[in-house]
Amino acid sequence: MATVDECRQALQDLAARMDRNAETVRDRIDLDRTLACRITDLETAFHGRLAGGRLTDLTDGDDPKAKIALSTSSEDLLALVRGDLDIARAVASRRVSIKANPLDLMKLRKLL
């Protein structure tokens, strides 16, 4: 099991990677949504905003009104961010749960 700090760092690393790629992604993906990332085994959450190909305003705590909600274990979050776990396979195997409208899901997959 990973720690809360490791999960926070993984999300910050993801945000930095998305920031570096934002210029190429922004023109192809129009997505401006609130995001909640719930870590099931640590009973903690983080939230932020996906906009312009970037993950911004990343903060500790849940956002129950988030338009996109991702739930996973701490280890699976780290594997996703490292690229060791494919998001489509993780969802299919129920290691990751994503609640969002179908169009947002397709756009989100392109971002990750």
Protein backbone atom coordinates (compact mmCIF):
# COMPACT_ATOMS: atom_id res chain seq x y z
CA MET A 1 0.00 0.00 0.00
CA ALA A 2 1.30 3.44 -0.94
CA THR A 3 1.11 6.43 1.38
CA VAL A 4 -1.02 9.54 1.05
CA ASP A 5 2.15 11.54 0.31
CA GLU A 6 3.12 9.12 -2.48
CA CYS A 7 -0.35 9.46 -4.01
CA ARG A 8 -0.20 13.24 -3.76
CA GLN A 9 3.23 13.23 -5.43
CA ALA A 10 1.99 10.91 -8.19
CA LEU A 11 -0.88 13.29 -8.96
CA GLN A 12 1.50 16.25 -8.94
CA ASP A 13 3.77 14.35 -11.35
CA LEU A 14 0.76 13.65 -13.58
CA ALA A 15 -0.18 17.34 -13.48
CA ALA A 16 3.39 18.30 -14.47
CA ARG A 17 3.39 15.82 -17.36
CA MET A 18 0.00 17.07 -18.55
CA ASP A 19 1.28 20.64 -18.30
CA ARG A 20 4.24 19.80 -20.56
CA ASN A 21 1.88 18.22 -23.13
CA ALA A 22 -0.92 20.79 -22.88
CA GLU A 23 0.01 22.74 -26.00
CA THR A 24 -0.34 19.71 -28.27
CA VAL A 25 -3.43 18.34 -26.53
CA ARG A 26 -5.42 21.54 -26.03
CA ASP A 27 -6.40 21.91 -29.69
CA ARG A 28 -7.61 18.32 -29.90
CA ILE A 29 -9.40 17.97 -26.57
CA ASP A 30 -11.91 20.46 -25.25
CA LEU A 31 -12.43 19.41 -21.63
CA ASP A 32 -13.10 21.65 -18.66
CA ARG A 33 -14.33 19.61 -15.72
CA THR A 34 -13.85 19.21 -12.00
CA LEU A 35 -12.10 15.99 -11.01
CA ALA A 36 -12.10 13.94 -7.81
CA CYS A 37 -9.59 11.15 -7.24
CA ARG A 38 -10.63 8.86 -4.41
CA ILE A 39 -8.05 6.49 -2.95
CA THR A 40 -10.07 3.60 -1.57
CA ASP A 41 -7.50 1.80 0.59
CA LEU A 42 -6.32 5.02 2.26
CA GLU A 43 -9.83 6.48 2.64
CA THR A 44 -8.59 9.80 1.28
CA ALA A 45 -9.19 11.90 -1.81
CA PHE A 46 -7.82 14.71 -3.90
CA HIS A 47 -9.58 17.06 -6.26
CA GLY A 48 -8.73 19.54 -8.98
CA ARG A 49 -9.76 20.77 -12.38
CA LEU A 50 -9.04 19.45 -15.87
CA ALA A 51 -8.90 22.36 -18.29
CA GLY A 52 -6.98 23.09 -21.45
CA GLY A 53 -5.17 19.76 -21.28
CA ARG A 54 -3.92 20.54 -17.77
CA LEU A 55 -4.67 19.31 -14.27
CA THR A 56 -4.81 22.39 -12.07
CA ASP A 57 -5.81 23.43 -8.55
CA LEU A 58 -4.88 20.00 -7.14
CA THR A 59 -5.90 19.94 -3.48
CA ASP A 60 -6.38 17.41 -0.69
CA GLY A 61 -9.97 16.39 0.02
CA ASP A 62 -12.94 15.13 -1.93
CA ASP A 63 -15.28 17.06 -4.21
CA PRO A 64 -18.63 15.26 -4.09
CA LYS A 65 -19.90 17.45 -6.95
CA ALA A 66 -16.97 16.67 -9.29
CA LYS A 67 -18.04 15.98 -12.87
CA ILE A 68 -15.39 13.25 -13.16
CA ALA A 69 -14.73 10.90 -10.23
CA LEU A 70 -11.96 8.32 -10.28
CA SER A 71 -11.74 5.69 -7.54
CA THR A 72 -8.83 3.28 -7.16
CA SER A 73 -6.34 1.85 -4.71
CA SER A 74 -3.14 3.69 -3.88
CA GLU A 75 -0.95 1.12 -5.68
CA ASP A 76 -3.10 1.22 -8.82
CA LEU A 77 -2.97 5.03 -8.85
CA LEU A 78 0.82 4.92 -8.77
CA ALA A 79 0.87 2.27 -11.52
CA LEU A 80 -1.47 4.37 -13.70
CA VAL A 81 0.65 7.48 -13.33
CA ARG A 82 3.88 5.55 -14.02
CA GLY A 83 2.30 4.04 -17.13
CA ASP A 84 2.53 0.49 -15.79
CA LEU A 85 -1.26 0.06 -15.80
CA ASP A 86 -3.40 0.77 -18.86
CA ILE A 87 -6.49 2.81 -17.97
CA ALA A 88 -8.82 0.83 -20.25
CA ARG A 89 -7.68 -2.50 -18.82
CA ALA A 90 -7.85 -1.15 -15.29
CA VAL A 91 -11.46 -0.05 -15.78
CA ALA A 92 -12.39 -3.34 -17.50
CA SER A 93 -10.91 -5.34 -14.61
CA ARG A 94 -12.59 -3.01 -12.07
CA ARG A 95 -9.30 -1.95 -10.54
CA VAL A 96 -10.31 1.61 -11.40
CA SER A 97 -13.79 3.09 -11.40
CA ILE A 98 -14.51 6.28 -13.34
CA LYS A 99 -17.82 8.07 -13.12
CA ALA A 100 -18.31 10.59 -15.90
CA ASN A 101 -20.48 11.11 -18.92
CA PRO A 102 -19.43 9.00 -21.94
CA LEU A 103 -18.02 11.92 -23.96
CA ASP A 104 -15.88 13.01 -21.03
CA LEU A 105 -14.60 9.44 -20.67
CA MET A 106 -13.39 9.39 -24.27
CA LYS A 107 -11.66 12.77 -23.86
CA LEU A 108 -10.14 11.75 -20.54
CA ARG A 109 -8.64 8.61 -22.07
CA LYS A 110 -6.85 10.75 -24.67
CA LEU A 111 -5.39 12.92 -21.91
CA LEU A 112 -4.03 9.99 -19.93
